Amino acid sequence: MARRELLALLAAMSAGAADCLGGTINPERARELERLVLHDCGSCHGMTLKGGLGPDIRAPTLAGRLPQSLAKTILDGVPGTAMPAWRPLLTEREARWIADYLLDGDRQ
């Protein structure tokens, strides 16, 4: 990869991270995160999130879970299972957005 391409890639990644500073997720990033949940999470948790290789992660099943706890699971994975750590790809704020998204059954 040429230096210019690498710098452009790093700038784009920084811009995405900057969008998440201050506790907000911009609408474009929110759509990307929603697609991530439906496609990437869905590949193990089932395309309807009702379970598959991984457990059901729909709101009724997650009821009572704290969003902070769920975000930690998203970021750090579950050792000894197929649940990977997403920390290399997501910020803490993005993981919290996903946790809130999963806990809000109206959006699914």
PDB file of N, CA and C in Angstrom:
ATOM      1  N   MET A   1       0.851  -1.172   0.000  1.00  0.00           N
ATOM      2  CA  MET A   1       0.000   0.000   0.000  1.00  0.00           C
ATOM      3  C   MET A   1       0.895   1.233   0.000  1.00  0.00           C
ATOM      4  N   ALA A   2       0.600   2.165  -0.874  1.00  0.00           N
ATOM      5  CA  ALA A   2       1.381   3.392  -0.965  1.00  0.00           C
ATOM      6  C   ALA A   2       1.141   4.264   0.266  1.00  0.00           C
ATOM      7  N   ARG A   3       2.117   5.065   0.570  1.00  0.00           N
ATOM      8  CA  ARG A   3       2.032   5.951   1.739  1.00  0.00           C
ATOM      9  C   ARG A   3       0.772   6.823   1.688  1.00  0.00           C
ATOM     10  N   ARG A   4       0.468   7.374   0.513  1.00  0.00           N
ATOM     11  CA  ARG A   4      -0.706   8.250   0.378  1.00  0.00           C
ATOM     12  C   ARG A   4      -1.985   7.470   0.693  1.00  0.00           C
ATOM     13  N   GLU A   5      -2.088   6.228   0.191  1.00  0.00           N
ATOM     14  CA  GLU A   5      -3.266   5.399   0.451  1.00  0.00           C
ATOM     15  C   GLU A   5      -3.380   5.064   1.927  1.00  0.00           C
ATOM     16  N   LEU A   6      -2.242   4.767   2.556  1.00  0.00           N
ATOM     17  CA  LEU A   6      -2.244   4.461   3.978  1.00  0.00           C
ATOM     18  C   LEU A   6      -2.702   5.663   4.786  1.00  0.00           C
ATOM     19  N   LEU A   7      -2.201   6.848   4.441  1.00  0.00           N
ATOM     20  CA  LEU A   7      -2.613   8.065   5.154  1.00  0.00           C
ATOM     21  C   LEU A   7      -4.102   8.338   4.960  1.00  0.00           C
ATOM     22  N   ALA A   8      -4.605   8.106   3.749  1.00  0.00           N
ATOM     23  CA  ALA A   8      -6.035   8.305   3.495  1.00  0.00           C
ATOM     24  C   ALA A   8      -6.869   7.333   4.325  1.00  0.00           C
ATOM     25  N   LEU A   9      -6.423   6.083   4.414  1.00  0.00           N
ATOM     26  CA  LEU A   9      -7.126   5.080   5.207  1.00  0.00           C
ATOM     27  C   LEU A   9      -7.135   5.461   6.685  1.00  0.00           C
ATOM     28  N   LEU A  10      -5.992   5.882   7.200  1.00  0.00           N
ATOM     29  CA  LEU A  10      -5.914   6.296   8.604  1.00  0.00           C
ATOM     30  C   LEU A  10      -6.789   7.510   8.870  1.00  0.00           C
ATOM     31  N   ALA A  11      -6.823   8.451   7.940  1.00  0.00           N
ATOM     32  CA  ALA A  11      -7.681   9.639   8.103  1.00  0.00           C
ATOM     33  C   ALA A  11      -9.148   9.243   8.144  1.00  0.00           C
ATOM     34  N   ALA A  12      -9.535   8.319   7.274  1.00  0.00           N
ATOM     35  CA  ALA A  12     -10.929   7.869   7.256  1.00  0.00           C
ATOM     36  C   ALA A  12     -11.291   7.163   8.552  1.00  0.00           C
ATOM     37  N   MET A  13     -10.369   6.336   9.053  1.00  0.00           N
ATOM     38  CA  MET A  13     -10.623   5.629  10.312  1.00  0.00           C
ATOM     39  C   MET A  13     -10.716   6.618  11.464  1.00  0.00           C
ATOM     40  N   SER A  14      -9.869   7.622  11.474  1.00  0.00           N
ATOM     41  CA  SER A  14      -9.902   8.632  12.527  1.00  0.00           C
ATOM     42  C   SER A  14     -11.193   9.417  12.483  1.00  0.00           C
ATOM     43  N   ALA A  15     -11.665   9.725  11.282  1.00  0.00           N
ATOM     44  CA  ALA A  15     -12.914  10.460  11.147  1.00  0.00           C
ATOM     45  C   ALA A  15     -14.069   9.659  11.716  1.00  0.00           C
ATOM     46  N   GLY A  16     -14.076   8.351  11.456  1.00  0.00           N
ATOM     47  CA  GLY A  16     -15.132   7.499  12.007  1.00  0.00           C
ATOM     48  C   GLY A  16     -15.088   7.463  13.517  1.00  0.00           C
ATOM     49  N   ALA A  17     -13.884   7.398  14.081  1.00  0.00           N
ATOM     50  CA  ALA A  17     -13.747   7.387  15.531  1.00  0.00           C
ATOM     51  C   ALA A  17     -14.157   8.728  16.104  1.00  0.00           C
ATOM     52  N   ALA A  18     -13.820   9.814  15.431  1.00  0.00           N
ATOM     53  CA  ALA A  18     -14.162  11.146  15.927  1.00  0.00           C
ATOM     54  C   ALA A  18     -15.663  11.342  15.981  1.00  0.00           C
ATOM     55  N   ASP A  19     -16.389  10.711  15.047  1.00  0.00           N
ATOM     56  CA  ASP A  19     -17.843  10.817  15.049  1.00  0.00           C
ATOM     57  C   ASP A  19     -18.441  10.281  16.339  1.00  0.00           C
ATOM     58  N   CYS A  20     -17.725   9.399  17.007  1.00  0.00           N
ATOM     59  CA  CYS A  20     -18.251   8.745  18.203  1.00  0.00           C
ATOM     60  C   CYS A  20     -17.837   9.445  19.487  1.00  0.00           C
ATOM     61  N   LEU A  21     -17.003  10.453  19.388  1.00  0.00           N
ATOM     62  CA  LEU A  21     -16.586  11.169  20.587  1.00  0.00           C
ATOM     63  C   LEU A  21     -17.745  11.990  21.119  1.00  0.00           C
ATOM     64  N   GLY A  22     -17.732  12.247  22.391  1.00  0.00           N
ATOM     65  CA  GLY A  22     -18.777  13.060  22.980  1.00  0.00           C
ATOM     66  C   GLY A  22     -20.076  12.311  23.195  1.00  0.00           C
ATOM     67  N   GLY A  23     -20.053  10.979  23.088  1.00  0.00           N
ATOM     68  CA  GLY A  23     -21.233  10.201  23.416  1.00  0.00           C
ATOM     69  C   GLY A  23     -22.279  10.132  22.326  1.00  0.00           C
ATOM     70  N   THR A  24     -21.958  10.558  21.118  1.00  0.00           N
ATOM     71  CA  THR A  24     -22.953  10.484  20.055  1.00  0.00           C
ATOM     72  C   THR A  24     -22.435   9.606  18.927  1.00  0.00           C
ATOM     73  N   ILE A  25     -23.365   9.032  18.218  1.00  0.00           N
ATOM     74  CA  ILE A  25     -23.066   8.262  17.018  1.00  0.00           C
ATOM     75  C   ILE A  25     -23.822   8.962  15.895  1.00  0.00           C
ATOM     76  N   ASN A  26     -23.125   9.340  14.847  1.00  0.00           N
ATOM     77  CA  ASN A  26     -23.827  10.039  13.771  1.00  0.00           C
ATOM     78  C   ASN A  26     -24.727   9.052  13.032  1.00  0.00           C
ATOM     79  N   PRO A  27     -25.742   9.547  12.327  1.00  0.00           N
ATOM     80  CA  PRO A  27     -26.707   8.657  11.676  1.00  0.00           C
ATOM     81  C   PRO A  27     -26.078   7.681  10.688  1.00  0.00           C
ATOM     82  N   GLU A  28     -25.073   8.106   9.946  1.00  0.00           N
ATOM     83  CA  GLU A  28     -24.430   7.203   8.996  1.00  0.00           C
ATOM     84  C   GLU A  28     -23.741   6.049   9.719  1.00  0.00           C
ATOM     85  N   ARG A  29     -23.025   6.365  10.813  1.00  0.00           N
ATOM     86  CA  ARG A  29     -22.351   5.302  11.570  1.00  0.00           C
ATOM     87  C   ARG A  29     -23.385   4.390  12.229  1.00  0.00           C
ATOM     88  N   ALA A  30     -24.502   4.952  12.683  1.00  0.00           N
ATOM     89  CA  ALA A  30     -25.558   4.133  13.280  1.00  0.00           C
ATOM     90  C   ALA A  30     -26.083   3.121  12.267  1.00  0.00           C
ATOM     91  N   ARG A  31     -26.259   3.532  11.009  1.00  0.00           N
ATOM     92  CA  ARG A  31     -26.715   2.599   9.972  1.00  0.00           C
ATOM     93  C   ARG A  31     -25.668   1.506   9.741  1.00  0.00           C
ATOM     94  N   GLU A  32     -24.385   1.892   9.773  1.00  0.00           N
ATOM     95  CA  GLU A  32     -23.316   0.897   9.612  1.00  0.00           C
ATOM     96  C   GLU A  32     -23.329  -0.107  10.760  1.00  0.00           C
ATOM     97  N   LEU A  33     -23.531   0.389  11.982  1.00  0.00           N
ATOM     98  CA  LEU A  33     -23.563  -0.501  13.140  1.00  0.00           C
ATOM     99  C   LEU A  33     -24.778  -1.416  13.090  1.00  0.00           C
ATOM    100  N   GLU A  34     -25.904  -0.889  12.634  1.00  0.00           N
ATOM    101  CA  GLU A  34     -27.095  -1.723  12.500  1.00  0.00           C
ATOM    102  C   GLU A  34     -26.845  -2.848  11.486  1.00  0.00           C
ATOM    103  N   ARG A  35     -26.208  -2.515  10.362  1.00  0.00           N
ATOM    104  CA  ARG A  35     -25.867  -3.552   9.380  1.00  0.00           C
ATOM    105  C   ARG A  35     -24.913  -4.574   9.990  1.00  0.00           C
ATOM    106  N   LEU A  36     -23.954  -4.106  10.791  1.00  0.00           N
ATOM    107  CA  LEU A  36     -23.018  -5.022  11.445  1.00  0.00           C
ATOM    108  C   LEU A  36     -23.779  -6.005  12.326  1.00  0.00           C
ATOM    109  N   VAL A  37     -24.725  -5.506  13.105  1.00  0.00           N
ATOM    110  CA  VAL A  37     -25.513  -6.385  13.974  1.00  0.00           C
ATOM    111  C   VAL A  37     -26.278  -7.409  13.142  1.00  0.00           C
ATOM    112  N   LEU A  38     -26.964  -6.937  12.117  1.00  0.00           N
ATOM    113  CA  LEU A  38     -27.815  -7.833  11.342  1.00  0.00           C
ATOM    114  C   LEU A  38     -27.020  -8.839  10.516  1.00  0.00           C
ATOM    115  N   HIS A  39     -25.851  -8.458  10.043  1.00  0.00           N
ATOM    116  CA  HIS A  39     -25.080  -9.352   9.178  1.00  0.00           C
ATOM    117  C   HIS A  39     -23.972 -10.080   9.924  1.00  0.00           C
ATOM    118  N   ASP A  40     -23.100  -9.342  10.594  1.00  0.00           N
ATOM    119  CA  ASP A  40     -21.972  -9.992  11.258  1.00  0.00           C
ATOM    120  C   ASP A  40     -22.421 -10.744  12.511  1.00  0.00           C
ATOM    121  N   CYS A  41     -23.184 -10.093  13.365  1.00  0.00           N
ATOM    122  CA  CYS A  41     -23.687 -10.790  14.552  1.00  0.00           C
ATOM    123  C   CYS A  41     -24.656 -11.890  14.122  1.00  0.00           C
ATOM    124  N   GLY A  42     -25.479 -11.557  13.108  1.00  0.00           N
ATOM    125  CA  GLY A  42     -26.457 -12.518  12.608  1.00  0.00           C
ATOM    126  C   GLY A  42     -25.840 -13.780  12.038  1.00  0.00           C
ATOM    127  N   SER A  43     -24.584 -13.703  11.603  1.00  0.00           N
ATOM    128  CA  SER A  43     -23.962 -14.903  11.043  1.00  0.00           C
ATOM    129  C   SER A  43     -23.796 -15.994  12.096  1.00  0.00           C
ATOM    130  N   CYS A  44     -23.695 -15.623  13.361  1.00  0.00           N
ATOM    131  CA  CYS A  44     -23.616 -16.626  14.444  1.00  0.00           C
ATOM    132  C   CYS A  44     -24.900 -16.693  15.263  1.00  0.00           C
ATOM    133  N   HIS A  45     -25.533 -15.550  15.475  1.00  0.00           N
ATOM    134  CA  HIS A  45     -26.717 -15.488  16.334  1.00  0.00           C
ATOM    135  C   HIS A  45     -28.001 -15.679  15.535  1.00  0.00           C
ATOM    136  N   GLY A  46     -27.879 -16.004  14.265  1.00  0.00           N
ATOM    137  CA  GLY A  46     -29.043 -16.192  13.411  1.00  0.00           C
ATOM    138  C   GLY A  46     -29.435 -14.887  12.748  1.00  0.00           C
ATOM    139  N   MET A  47     -29.850 -14.963  11.509  1.00  0.00           N
ATOM    140  CA  MET A  47     -30.174 -13.743  10.755  1.00  0.00           C
ATOM    141  C   MET A  47     -31.338 -12.966  11.361  1.00  0.00           C
ATOM    142  N   THR A  48     -32.150 -13.620  12.171  1.00  0.00           N
ATOM    143  CA  THR A  48     -33.221 -12.918  12.883  1.00  0.00           C
ATOM    144  C   THR A  48     -32.840 -12.706  14.346  1.00  0.00           C
ATOM    145  N   LEU A  49     -31.593 -13.022  14.681  1.00  0.00           N
ATOM    146  CA  LEU A  49     -31.028 -12.882  16.029  1.00  0.00           C
ATOM    147  C   LEU A  49     -31.676 -13.805  17.049  1.00  0.00           C
ATOM    148  N   LYS A  50     -32.432 -14.811  16.579  1.00  0.00           N
ATOM    149  CA  LYS A  50     -33.117 -15.758  17.463  1.00  0.00           C
ATOM    150  C   LYS A  50     -32.207 -16.871  17.964  1.00  0.00           C
ATOM    151  N   GLY A  51     -30.966 -16.873  17.522  1.00  0.00           N
ATOM    152  CA  GLY A  51     -30.029 -17.894  17.945  1.00  0.00           C
ATOM    153  C   GLY A  51     -29.593 -18.750  16.778  1.00  0.00           C
ATOM    154  N   GLY A  52     -28.443 -19.331  16.943  1.00  0.00           N
ATOM    155  CA  GLY A  52     -27.838 -20.194  15.936  1.00  0.00           C
ATOM    156  C   GLY A  52     -26.650 -20.833  16.625  1.00  0.00           C
ATOM    157  N   LEU A  53     -25.451 -20.583  16.110  1.00  0.00           N
ATOM    158  CA  LEU A  53     -24.238 -21.003  16.803  1.00  0.00           C
ATOM    159  C   LEU A  53     -24.187 -20.296  18.167  1.00  0.00           C
ATOM    160  N   GLY A  54     -24.536 -19.009  18.163  1.00  0.00           N
ATOM    161  CA  GLY A  54     -24.613 -18.229  19.399  1.00  0.00           C
ATOM    162  C   GLY A  54     -26.052 -18.146  19.881  1.00  0.00           C
ATOM    163  N   PRO A  55     -26.256 -17.677  21.107  1.00  0.00           N
ATOM    164  CA  PRO A  55     -27.611 -17.623  21.671  1.00  0.00           C
ATOM    165  C   PRO A  55     -28.485 -16.527  21.064  1.00  0.00           C
ATOM    166  N   ASP A  56     -29.765 -16.595  21.367  1.00  0.00           N
ATOM    167  CA  ASP A  56     -30.753 -15.579  21.018  1.00  0.00           C
ATOM    168  C   ASP A  56     -30.299 -14.247  21.637  1.00  0.00           C
ATOM    169  N   ILE A  57     -30.242 -13.199  20.821  1.00  0.00           N
ATOM    170  CA  ILE A  57     -29.843 -11.885  21.352  1.00  0.00           C
ATOM    171  C   ILE A  57     -30.922 -10.833  21.087  1.00  0.00           C
ATOM    172  N   ARG A  58     -32.172 -11.278  21.039  1.00  0.00           N
ATOM    173  CA  ARG A  58     -33.273 -10.330  20.903  1.00  0.00           C
ATOM    174  C   ARG A  58     -33.607  -9.728  22.271  1.00  0.00           C
ATOM    175  N   ALA A  59     -34.276  -8.589  22.252  1.00  0.00           N
ATOM    176  CA  ALA A  59     -34.574  -7.838  23.473  1.00  0.00           C
ATOM    177  C   ALA A  59     -35.244  -8.674  24.568  1.00  0.00           C
ATOM    178  N   PRO A  60     -36.266  -9.475  24.277  1.00  0.00           N
ATOM    179  CA  PRO A  60     -36.893 -10.233  25.370  1.00  0.00           C
ATOM    180  C   PRO A  60     -35.917 -11.169  26.082  1.00  0.00           C
ATOM    181  N   THR A  61     -35.008 -11.761  25.329  1.00  0.00           N
ATOM    182  CA  THR A  61     -34.032 -12.682  25.913  1.00  0.00           C
ATOM    183  C   THR A  61     -32.989 -11.923  26.727  1.00  0.00           C
ATOM    184  N   LEU A  62     -32.666 -10.716  26.279  1.00  0.00           N
ATOM    185  CA  LEU A  62     -31.648  -9.910  26.968  1.00  0.00           C
ATOM    186  C   LEU A  62     -32.222  -9.058  28.095  1.00  0.00           C
ATOM    187  N   ALA A  63     -33.539  -9.097  28.281  1.00  0.00           N
ATOM    188  CA  ALA A  63     -34.176  -8.284  29.325  1.00  0.00           C
ATOM    189  C   ALA A  63     -33.490  -8.506  30.664  1.00  0.00           C
ATOM    190  N   GLY A  64     -33.214  -7.426  31.340  1.00  0.00           N
ATOM    191  CA  GLY A  64     -32.559  -7.502  32.643  1.00  0.00           C
ATOM    192  C   GLY A  64     -31.049  -7.355  32.562  1.00  0.00           C
ATOM    193  N   ARG A  65     -30.488  -7.491  31.375  1.00  0.00           N
ATOM    194  CA  ARG A  65     -29.045  -7.285  31.208  1.00  0.00           C
ATOM    195  C   ARG A  65     -28.755  -5.797  31.236  1.00  0.00           C
ATOM    196  N   LEU A  66     -27.686  -5.420  31.894  1.00  0.00           N
ATOM    197  CA  LEU A  66     -27.268  -4.021  31.895  1.00  0.00           C
ATOM    198  C   LEU A  66     -26.556  -3.705  30.586  1.00  0.00           C
ATOM    199  N   PRO A  67     -26.832  -2.541  29.992  1.00  0.00           N
ATOM    200  CA  PRO A  67     -26.178  -2.197  28.732  1.00  0.00           C
ATOM    201  C   PRO A  67     -24.649  -2.200  28.840  1.00  0.00           C
ATOM    202  N   GLN A  68     -24.119  -1.778  29.984  1.00  0.00           N
ATOM    203  CA  GLN A  68     -22.670  -1.748  30.181  1.00  0.00           C
ATOM    204  C   GLN A  68     -22.095  -3.163  30.137  1.00  0.00           C
ATOM    205  N   SER A  69     -22.792  -4.103  30.729  1.00  0.00           N
ATOM    206  CA  SER A  69     -22.356  -5.493  30.749  1.00  0.00           C
ATOM    207  C   SER A  69     -22.388  -6.092  29.344  1.00  0.00           C
ATOM    208  N   LEU A  70     -23.449  -5.806  28.618  1.00  0.00           N
ATOM    209  CA  LEU A  70     -23.578  -6.300  27.257  1.00  0.00           C
ATOM    210  C   LEU A  70     -22.492  -5.690  26.362  1.00  0.00           C
ATOM    211  N   ALA A  71     -22.228  -4.393  26.525  1.00  0.00           N
ATOM    212  CA  ALA A  71     -21.175  -3.734  25.750  1.00  0.00           C
ATOM    213  C   ALA A  71     -19.814  -4.362  26.044  1.00  0.00           C
ATOM    214  N   LYS A  72     -19.568  -4.717  27.294  1.00  0.00           N
ATOM    215  CA  LYS A  72     -18.297  -5.363  27.652  1.00  0.00           C
ATOM    216  C   LYS A  72     -18.174  -6.714  26.964  1.00  0.00           C
ATOM    217  N   THR A  73     -19.263  -7.465  26.915  1.00  0.00           N
ATOM    218  CA  THR A  73     -19.254  -8.756  26.226  1.00  0.00           C
ATOM    219  C   THR A  73     -18.958  -8.559  24.741  1.00  0.00           C
ATOM    220  N   ILE A  74     -19.558  -7.541  24.150  1.00  0.00           N
ATOM    221  CA  ILE A  74     -19.318  -7.246  22.740  1.00  0.00           C
ATOM    222  C   ILE A  74     -17.840  -6.904  22.527  1.00  0.00           C
ATOM    223  N   LEU A  75     -17.301  -6.072  23.389  1.00  0.00           N
ATOM    224  CA  LEU A  75     -15.914  -5.627  23.223  1.00  0.00           C
ATOM    225  C   LEU A  75     -14.898  -6.728  23.496  1.00  0.00           C
ATOM    226  N   ASP A  76     -15.131  -7.527  24.534  1.00  0.00           N
ATOM    227  CA  ASP A  76     -14.112  -8.482  24.983  1.00  0.00           C
ATOM    228  C   ASP A  76     -14.405  -9.929  24.616  1.00  0.00           C
ATOM    229  N   GLY A  77     -15.578 -10.195  24.052  1.00  0.00           N
ATOM    230  CA  GLY A  77     -15.919 -11.556  23.675  1.00  0.00           C
ATOM    231  C   GLY A  77     -16.168 -12.428  24.889  1.00  0.00           C
ATOM    232  N   VAL A  78     -16.309 -13.718  24.667  1.00  0.00           N
ATOM    233  CA  VAL A  78     -16.525 -14.692  25.737  1.00  0.00           C
ATOM    234  C   VAL A  78     -15.487 -15.797  25.558  1.00  0.00           C
ATOM    235  N   PRO A  79     -14.480 -15.815  26.415  1.00  0.00           N
ATOM    236  CA  PRO A  79     -13.431 -16.844  26.284  1.00  0.00           C
ATOM    237  C   PRO A  79     -14.020 -18.257  26.304  1.00  0.00           C
ATOM    238  N   GLY A  80     -13.462 -19.111  25.483  1.00  0.00           N
ATOM    239  CA  GLY A  80     -13.906 -20.498  25.433  1.00  0.00           C
ATOM    240  C   GLY A  80     -15.142 -20.720  24.582  1.00  0.00           C
ATOM    241  N   THR A  81     -15.623 -19.649  23.921  1.00  0.00           N
ATOM    242  CA  THR A  81     -16.784 -19.772  23.031  1.00  0.00           C
ATOM    243  C   THR A  81     -16.417 -19.180  21.670  1.00  0.00           C
ATOM    244  N   ALA A  82     -17.358 -19.217  20.766  1.00  0.00           N
ATOM    245  CA  ALA A  82     -17.139 -18.633  19.439  1.00  0.00           C
ATOM    246  C   ALA A  82     -17.319 -17.120  19.425  1.00  0.00           C
ATOM    247  N   MET A  83     -17.722 -16.525  20.559  1.00  0.00           N
ATOM    248  CA  MET A  83     -17.946 -15.071  20.605  1.00  0.00           C
ATOM    249  C   MET A  83     -16.608 -14.347  20.617  1.00  0.00           C
ATOM    250  N   PRO A  84     -16.294 -13.643  19.499  1.00  0.00           N
ATOM    251  CA  PRO A  84     -15.011 -12.946  19.423  1.00  0.00           C
ATOM    252  C   PRO A  84     -15.042 -11.605  20.144  1.00  0.00           C
ATOM    253  N   ALA A  85     -13.885 -11.083  20.403  1.00  0.00           N
ATOM    254  CA  ALA A  85     -13.745  -9.718  20.928  1.00  0.00           C
ATOM    255  C   ALA A  85     -13.818  -8.753  19.754  1.00  0.00           C
ATOM    256  N   TRP A  86     -14.694  -7.771  19.863  1.00  0.00           N
ATOM    257  CA  TRP A  86     -14.835  -6.763  18.818  1.00  0.00           C
ATOM    258  C   TRP A  86     -14.063  -5.492  19.138  1.00  0.00           C
ATOM    259  N   ARG A  87     -13.351  -5.468  20.277  1.00  0.00           N
ATOM    260  CA  ARG A  87     -12.616  -4.265  20.691  1.00  0.00           C
ATOM    261  C   ARG A  87     -11.661  -3.741  19.606  1.00  0.00           C
ATOM    262  N   PRO A  88     -11.008  -4.604  18.837  1.00  0.00           N
ATOM    263  CA  PRO A  88     -10.121  -4.065  17.801  1.00  0.00           C
ATOM    264  C   PRO A  88     -10.862  -3.283  16.704  1.00  0.00           C
ATOM    265  N   LEU A  89     -12.173  -3.501  16.585  1.00  0.00           N
ATOM    266  CA  LEU A  89     -12.933  -2.884  15.498  1.00  0.00           C
ATOM    267  C   LEU A  89     -13.951  -1.853  15.945  1.00  0.00           C
ATOM    268  N   LEU A  90     -14.299  -1.849  17.229  1.00  0.00           N
ATOM    269  CA  LEU A  90     -15.340  -0.958  17.738  1.00  0.00           C
ATOM    270  C   LEU A  90     -14.823  -0.135  18.909  1.00  0.00           C
ATOM    271  N   THR A  91     -15.340   1.073  19.030  1.00  0.00           N
ATOM    272  CA  THR A  91     -15.050   1.887  20.211  1.00  0.00           C
ATOM    273  C   THR A  91     -16.002   1.467  21.332  1.00  0.00           C
ATOM    274  N   GLU A  92     -15.721   1.904  22.528  1.00  0.00           N
ATOM    275  CA  GLU A  92     -16.619   1.616  23.652  1.00  0.00           C
ATOM    276  C   GLU A  92     -17.996   2.223  23.396  1.00  0.00           C
ATOM    277  N   ARG A  93     -18.020   3.430  22.841  1.00  0.00           N
ATOM    278  CA  ARG A  93     -19.306   4.083  22.555  1.00  0.00           C
ATOM    279  C   ARG A  93     -20.096   3.296  21.515  1.00  0.00           C
ATOM    280  N   GLU A  94     -19.419   2.756  20.502  1.00  0.00           N
ATOM    281  CA  GLU A  94     -20.109   1.965  19.483  1.00  0.00           C
ATOM    282  C   GLU A  94     -20.653   0.665  20.070  1.00  0.00           C
ATOM    283  N   ALA A  95     -19.886   0.030  20.943  1.00  0.00           N
ATOM    284  CA  ALA A  95     -20.364  -1.195  21.597  1.00  0.00           C
ATOM    285  C   ALA A  95     -21.576  -0.885  22.462  1.00  0.00           C
ATOM    286  N   ARG A  96     -21.564   0.257  23.128  1.00  0.00           N
ATOM    287  CA  ARG A  96     -22.716   0.658  23.944  1.00  0.00           C
ATOM    288  C   ARG A  96     -23.931   0.932  23.054  1.00  0.00           C
ATOM    289  N   TRP A  97     -23.704   1.541  21.886  1.00  0.00           N
ATOM    290  CA  TRP A  97     -24.801   1.787  20.957  1.00  0.00           C
ATOM    291  C   TRP A  97     -25.416   0.448  20.537  1.00  0.00           C
ATOM    292  N   ILE A  98     -24.569  -0.535  20.229  1.00  0.00           N
ATOM    293  CA  ILE A  98     -25.061  -1.862  19.838  1.00  0.00           C
ATOM    294  C   ILE A  98     -25.834  -2.500  20.985  1.00  0.00           C
ATOM    295  N   ALA A  99     -25.318  -2.388  22.202  1.00  0.00           N
ATOM    296  CA  ALA A  99     -26.018  -2.940  23.361  1.00  0.00           C
ATOM    297  C   ALA A  99     -27.399  -2.295  23.503  1.00  0.00           C
ATOM    298  N   ASP A 100     -27.449  -0.979  23.399  1.00  0.00           N
ATOM    299  CA  ASP A 100     -28.738  -0.278  23.485  1.00  0.00           C
ATOM    300  C   ASP A 100     -29.665  -0.703  22.350  1.00  0.00           C
ATOM    301  N   TYR A 101     -29.102  -0.868  21.157  1.00  0.00           N
ATOM    302  CA  TYR A 101     -29.875  -1.315  19.996  1.00  0.00           C
ATOM    303  C   TYR A 101     -30.499  -2.694  20.255  1.00  0.00           C
ATOM    304  N   LEU A 102     -29.693  -3.606  20.784  1.00  0.00           N
ATOM    305  CA  LEU A 102     -30.204  -4.951  21.055  1.00  0.00           C
ATOM    306  C   LEU A 102     -31.257  -4.951  22.158  1.00  0.00           C
ATOM    307  N   LEU A 103     -31.072  -4.105  23.146  1.00  0.00           N
ATOM    308  CA  LEU A 103     -32.016  -4.059  24.264  1.00  0.00           C
ATOM    309  C   LEU A 103     -33.318  -3.340  23.911  1.00  0.00           C
ATOM    310  N   ASP A 104     -33.309  -2.569  22.839  1.00  0.00           N
ATOM    311  CA  ASP A 104     -34.496  -1.841  22.384  1.00  0.00           C
ATOM    312  C   ASP A 104     -35.213  -2.675  21.333  1.00  0.00           C
ATOM    313  N   GLY A 105     -36.136  -3.511  21.761  1.00  0.00           N
ATOM    314  CA  GLY A 105     -36.824  -4.426  20.861  1.00  0.00           C
ATOM    315  C   GLY A 105     -37.614  -3.759  19.768  1.00  0.00           C
ATOM    316  N   ASP A 106     -37.940  -2.479  19.918  1.00  0.00           N
ATOM    317  CA  ASP A 106     -38.722  -1.780  18.889  1.00  0.00           C
ATOM    318  C   ASP A 106     -37.949  -1.606  17.589  1.00  0.00           C
ATOM    319  N   ARG A 107     -36.619  -1.629  17.672  1.00  0.00           N
ATOM    320  CA  ARG A 107     -35.809  -1.387  16.467  1.00  0.00           C
ATOM    321  C   ARG A 107     -35.496  -2.681  15.733  1.00  0.00           C
ATOM    322  N   GLN A 108     -35.891  -3.807  16.251  1.00  0.00           N
ATOM    323  CA  GLN A 108     -35.547  -5.080  15.607  1.00  0.00           C
ATOM    324  C   GLN A 108     -36.724  -5.620  14.836  1.00  0.00           C
TER     325      GLN A 108
END
